[in-house]
N, C-alpha and C. Protein backbone atom coordinates (compact mmCIF):
# COMPACT_ATOMS: atom_id res chain seq x y z
N MET A 1 102.38 105.34 77.61
CA MET A 1 102.28 104.93 78.26
C MET A 1 102.08 106.64 79.41
N LYS A 2 101.25 106.03 80.30
CA LYS A 2 101.23 107.39 81.38
C LYS A 2 102.60 107.56 82.20
N PRO A 3 102.77 109.03 82.60
CA PRO A 3 103.79 109.55 82.82
C PRO A 3 104.25 108.99 84.86
N PHE A 4 103.18 108.62 84.84
CA PHE A 4 103.35 107.84 86.30
C PHE A 4 102.28 106.58 86.86
N ILE A 5 103.34 105.59 87.59
CA ILE A 5 102.15 104.66 87.62
C ILE A 5 102.34 104.80 89.26
N ASP A 6 101.20 104.19 90.04
CA ASP A 6 101.49 103.44 91.21
C ASP A 6 101.11 102.17 90.95
N LEU A 7 101.74 101.20 91.50
CA LEU A 7 101.89 100.20 92.01
C LEU A 7 101.69 99.28 93.67
N ILE A 8 101.36 98.98 93.70
CA ILE A 8 100.33 98.28 95.31
C ILE A 8 101.52 97.59 95.91
N GLY A 9 102.29 97.39 97.00
CA GLY A 9 102.52 96.06 97.35
C GLY A 9 102.23 95.17 98.56
N ALA A 10 102.91 93.89 98.89
CA ALA A 10 102.47 92.92 99.20
C ALA A 10 101.38 93.88 101.39
N SER A 11 102.32 94.74 101.05
CA SER A 11 101.85 95.14 102.51
C SER A 11 100.34 96.44 102.38
N GLY A 12 100.43 96.31 101.28
CA GLY A 12 98.71 97.54 100.51
C GLY A 12 99.58 99.67 100.67
N ALA A 13 101.12 99.52 100.74
CA ALA A 13 101.89 100.81 100.91
C ALA A 13 101.12 100.41 98.69
N ALA A 14 101.61 101.66 98.50
CA ALA A 14 101.23 102.57 97.00
C ALA A 14 102.54 103.45 96.87
N TYR A 15 103.07 103.12 96.09
CA TYR A 15 104.46 103.19 95.39
C TYR A 15 104.25 104.02 94.11
N ARG A 16 104.75 105.04 93.39
CA ARG A 16 104.73 105.65 92.81
C ARG A 16 105.92 105.98 92.25
N PHE A 17 106.04 105.47 90.77
CA PHE A 17 107.53 105.31 89.99
C PHE A 17 106.62 106.24 88.69
N ARG A 18 107.69 106.88 88.36
CA ARG A 18 108.41 107.91 87.20
C ARG A 18 108.70 107.02 85.62
N LYS A 19 107.84 107.78 84.60
CA LYS A 19 108.90 107.03 83.57
C LYS A 19 109.66 108.22 83.23
N ALA A 20 110.71 107.48 82.74
CA ALA A 20 112.37 107.28 82.59
C ALA A 20 112.37 107.76 81.24
N GLU A 21 113.00 109.94 81.10
CA GLU A 21 112.66 109.92 79.81
C GLU A 21 113.91 110.47 80.28
N GLY A 22 115.25 111.02 79.95
CA GLY A 22 116.79 111.21 79.22
C GLY A 22 117.67 110.64 80.52
N GLY A 23 118.58 111.24 80.44
CA GLY A 23 119.21 110.91 81.61
C GLY A 23 119.34 110.90 82.88
N LEU A 24 119.21 109.89 83.78
CA LEU A 24 119.02 109.04 84.75
C LEU A 24 120.14 108.96 86.84
N SER A 25 119.36 109.62 87.52
CA SER A 25 120.17 110.37 88.01
C SER A 25 121.48 108.69 88.62
N PRO A 26 122.38 109.62 89.08
CA PRO A 26 123.14 107.90 90.22
C PRO A 26 122.82 107.77 90.97
N ILE A 27 121.15 108.29 91.48
CA ILE A 27 120.97 107.72 92.91
C ILE A 27 121.04 106.24 93.10
N GLY A 28 120.34 105.92 93.84
CA GLY A 28 120.22 104.09 93.64
C GLY A 28 118.90 104.42 94.03
N GLY A 29 117.94 102.95 93.11
CA GLY A 29 116.11 103.24 93.63
C GLY A 29 115.48 101.78 93.24
N ASN A 30 114.62 101.74 92.84
CA ASN A 30 113.84 100.90 92.32
C ASN A 30 112.99 101.12 91.11
N PHE A 31 113.33 100.37 90.77
CA PHE A 31 112.76 100.54 88.96
C PHE A 31 111.64 98.96 88.65
N VAL A 32 110.74 99.57 87.95
CA VAL A 32 110.08 98.49 87.31
C VAL A 32 110.06 98.40 85.74
N TYR A 33 110.23 97.11 84.67
CA TYR A 33 109.99 98.00 83.02
C TYR A 33 108.29 97.68 83.07
N VAL A 34 107.78 98.21 82.27
CA VAL A 34 106.09 98.18 82.21
C VAL A 34 105.76 97.66 80.45
N ARG A 35 105.05 96.93 79.89
CA ARG A 35 104.48 96.45 78.88
C ARG A 35 103.36 96.98 78.97
N ASN A 36 102.49 97.01 77.40
CA ASN A 36 101.24 97.27 77.75
C ASN A 36 100.87 96.27 76.88
N VAL A 37 99.69 95.00 78.01
CA VAL A 37 99.47 94.12 77.58
C VAL A 37 97.10 94.91 77.49
N ASP A 38 96.51 94.17 76.15
CA ASP A 38 95.63 94.73 75.54
C ASP A 38 94.77 95.79 77.01
N GLY A 39 96.07 97.11 76.64
CA GLY A 39 95.79 98.23 76.34
C GLY A 39 95.67 98.84 78.42
N MET A 40 96.58 97.31 78.95
CA MET A 40 96.81 97.79 80.24
C MET A 40 98.38 97.64 80.85
N PRO A 41 98.58 98.09 81.61
CA PRO A 41 100.13 98.37 81.94
C PRO A 41 100.26 96.75 82.84
N ARG A 42 101.26 95.94 82.62
CA ARG A 42 101.44 95.19 83.50
C ARG A 42 103.69 94.87 83.42
N VAL A 43 103.42 94.70 84.50
CA VAL A 43 104.77 94.47 85.15
C VAL A 43 106.09 93.92 84.43
N VAL A 44 106.37 93.29 84.17
CA VAL A 44 107.71 92.46 83.72
C VAL A 44 108.59 92.29 83.68
N CYS A 45 108.82 93.29 84.36
CA CYS A 45 110.44 93.38 85.45
C CYS A 45 110.07 94.26 86.75
N CYS A 46 110.72 93.66 87.70
CA CYS A 46 110.26 94.50 89.44
C CYS A 46 112.32 94.44 89.54
N GLY A 47 113.08 95.15 89.90
CA GLY A 47 114.14 95.68 90.09
C GLY A 47 114.43 96.51 91.27
N LYS A 48 115.61 96.42 92.35
CA LYS A 48 116.72 97.24 92.64
C LYS A 48 117.66 97.75 92.31
N ALA A 49 118.32 99.14 92.62
CA ALA A 49 119.57 98.97 91.16
C ALA A 49 120.08 99.94 92.70
N ARG A 50 122.20 100.07 92.76
CA ARG A 50 122.06 101.55 93.83
C ARG A 50 122.65 102.10 93.10
N SER A 51 122.65 102.84 91.90
CA SER A 51 122.37 102.97 90.79
C SER A 51 121.76 103.11 89.11
N ILE A 52 120.08 103.91 89.52
CA ILE A 52 119.79 104.08 88.59
C ILE A 52 119.94 104.06 87.04
N GLY A 53 120.68 104.94 86.75
CA GLY A 53 121.56 105.30 85.77
C GLY A 53 121.82 103.84 85.12
N TRP A 54 122.30 103.42 86.07
CA TRP A 54 123.14 101.84 85.23
C TRP A 54 122.22 100.93 84.84
N VAL A 55 121.20 101.34 85.46
CA VAL A 55 119.82 100.56 84.80
C VAL A 55 119.54 100.58 83.86
N LEU A 56 119.93 101.97 82.68
CA LEU A 56 119.54 102.10 81.45
C LEU A 56 120.71 102.08 80.42
N THR A 57 121.82 102.75 81.04
CA THR A 57 123.48 102.45 80.64
C THR A 57 123.39 100.96 80.19
N LYS A 58 122.82 99.86 80.93
CA LYS A 58 123.76 99.12 80.37
C LYS A 58 122.26 98.23 80.01
N ARG A 59 121.26 98.66 80.04
CA ARG A 59 120.03 97.98 79.30
C ARG A 59 119.82 96.88 79.66
N THR A 60 120.10 96.27 80.68
CA THR A 60 120.32 94.70 81.03
C THR A 60 118.55 93.82 80.71
N TRP A 61 117.63 94.90 81.19
CA TRP A 61 116.41 94.30 80.67
C TRP A 61 115.74 93.69 79.47
N PHE A 62 116.49 94.71 78.24
CA PHE A 62 115.97 94.51 76.64
C PHE A 62 117.33 93.34 76.65
N ASP A 63 118.15 92.84 76.94
CA ASP A 63 118.93 91.52 77.05
C ASP A 63 118.70 90.66 77.42
N ASP A 64 117.55 90.20 78.44
CA ASP A 64 116.76 89.55 78.84
C ASP A 64 116.29 88.40 77.91
N GLU A 65 115.99 87.21 77.91
CA GLU A 65 115.35 86.53 76.86
C GLU A 65 113.55 87.18 77.28
N ASN A 66 113.12 87.64 78.08
CA ASN A 66 111.32 87.99 78.01
C ASN A 66 111.84 89.43 77.74
N GLY A 67 112.42 90.09 77.24
CA GLY A 67 112.21 91.58 77.09
C GLY A 67 111.37 91.92 75.85
N GLU A 68 111.08 93.00 75.79
CA GLU A 68 110.77 93.51 74.59
C GLU A 68 111.25 94.91 74.06
N PRO A 69 112.00 95.25 72.70
CA PRO A 69 111.45 96.24 72.53
C PRO A 69 110.87 98.22 73.74
N GLY A 70 109.37 97.30 73.57
CA GLY A 70 108.23 98.19 73.95
C GLY A 70 108.22 98.70 74.64
N ASP A 71 108.90 97.98 76.06
CA ASP A 71 108.35 97.61 77.34
C ASP A 71 109.20 99.14 78.34
N GLN A 72 108.61 99.91 78.51
CA GLN A 72 108.54 100.69 79.33
C GLN A 72 109.76 101.43 80.66
N LEU A 73 110.49 102.03 80.48
CA LEU A 73 111.18 101.43 82.57
C LEU A 73 111.01 102.99 83.40
N TYR A 74 109.94 102.44 84.25
CA TYR A 74 109.95 103.38 84.87
C TYR A 74 110.55 103.35 86.46
N VAL A 75 110.72 104.36 87.23
CA VAL A 75 111.92 104.26 88.85
C VAL A 75 111.27 104.72 89.40
N ARG A 76 111.61 104.88 90.74
CA ARG A 76 111.76 105.56 92.13
C ARG A 76 112.55 105.54 92.66
N LEU A 77 113.34 106.57 93.34
CA LEU A 77 114.67 106.53 93.57
C LEU A 77 114.76 106.91 95.49
N ASN A 78 115.70 105.88 95.68
CA ASN A 78 115.68 105.72 97.29
C ASN A 78 117.03 105.23 97.50
N ALA A 79 118.15 106.75 98.24
CA ALA A 79 119.41 106.61 97.86
C ALA A 79 119.59 105.75 98.78
N THR A 80 118.42 105.58 100.51
CA THR A 80 118.81 104.42 101.34
C THR A 80 118.58 102.71 101.14
N GLY A 81 119.99 102.33 101.35
CA GLY A 81 119.80 100.58 100.71
C GLY A 81 118.77 100.20 101.45
N THR A 82 117.87 100.28 102.64
CA THR A 82 117.40 100.01 103.72
C THR A 82 115.95 100.34 103.28
N ILE A 83 115.87 100.85 102.31
CA ILE A 83 114.58 101.36 102.01
C ILE A 83 114.37 100.90 100.60
N ARG A 84 115.24 100.93 99.91
CA ARG A 84 114.97 100.31 98.48
C ARG A 84 115.19 98.67 98.89
N ARG A 85 115.34 98.00 99.43
CA ARG A 85 115.63 96.71 99.74
C ARG A 85 113.92 96.27 100.19
N SER A 86 113.50 97.09 101.92
CA SER A 86 112.44 96.59 101.72
C SER A 86 110.90 96.85 100.77
N GLU A 87 111.14 98.35 100.08
CA GLU A 87 109.94 98.57 99.17
C GLU A 87 110.15 97.72 97.80
N HIS A 88 111.37 96.71 97.85
CA HIS A 88 111.19 95.87 96.46
C HIS A 88 110.57 95.07 96.87
N GLU A 89 111.23 94.49 97.96
CA GLU A 89 110.63 93.02 98.84
C GLU A 89 109.51 92.72 98.74
N ASP A 90 108.40 93.87 99.60
CA ASP A 90 107.24 94.48 98.94
C ASP A 90 106.43 94.29 97.74
N LEU A 91 107.18 94.76 96.75
CA LEU A 91 106.52 94.69 95.92
C LEU A 91 106.67 93.62 94.54
N VAL A 92 108.02 92.54 95.57
CA VAL A 92 107.50 90.83 94.28
C VAL A 92 106.85 90.74 95.14
N ALA A 93 106.65 90.82 96.55
CA ALA A 93 105.17 89.86 97.33
C ALA A 93 104.55 90.56 96.73
N GLY A 94 104.42 91.88 96.38
CA GLY A 94 102.42 92.54 95.70
C GLY A 94 101.98 92.06 93.88
N LEU A 95 103.14 92.28 93.54
CA LEU A 95 102.33 92.53 92.29
C LEU A 95 102.17 91.15 91.37
N PRO A 96 101.57 90.94 90.54
CA PRO A 96 101.49 89.63 89.46
C PRO A 96 102.03 89.17 89.42
N ARG A 97 102.13 87.88 89.70
CA ARG A 97 103.08 87.74 88.74
C ARG A 97 102.59 87.05 87.05
N PRO A 98 103.48 85.87 86.37
CA PRO A 98 105.05 86.84 86.52
C PRO A 98 105.66 87.57 86.03
N PHE A 99 107.27 87.78 86.38
CA PHE A 99 108.11 88.43 85.90
C PHE A 99 109.11 88.61 86.84
N THR A 100 110.14 89.09 85.52
CA THR A 100 110.97 88.88 86.15
C THR A 100 111.95 89.59 87.17
N ILE A 101 113.05 88.86 87.84
CA ILE A 101 113.28 89.84 89.62
C ILE A 101 114.83 90.25 89.20
N TYR A 102 115.01 91.60 89.20
CA TYR A 102 116.58 91.99 89.32
C TYR A 102 117.51 92.36 90.35
N GLU A 103 118.02 92.27 90.78
CA GLU A 103 118.83 93.13 92.07
C GLU A 103 120.36 93.23 92.05
N ILE A 104 120.55 94.69 91.35
CA ILE A 104 121.66 95.44 90.85
C ILE A 104 122.14 95.92 92.03
N GLU A 105 123.16 95.70 93.04
CA GLU A 105 123.45 96.02 94.10
C GLU A 105 125.23 96.10 94.47
């Protein structure tokens, strides 16, 4: 999959996420898990967390019944909780369903 993906929220705003590789920052942010479906990326999980590093270490998505080992984590750092919540709400409202929603604060 690509190193970056752009997702569009309900407002029409574009949000750039980068593929998570290696250690992740303790900074908060938004995250998505993406699955390759028929050669196209599909968001299967959309979430926000106070610490993006926590998201990777806990492997929450892979414990979910909908998770698959090939799902790729993409992150968007947002230290400010207000922006993190706003972007998360916009994405949840704008992305094609179905997908799992996580709010880890």
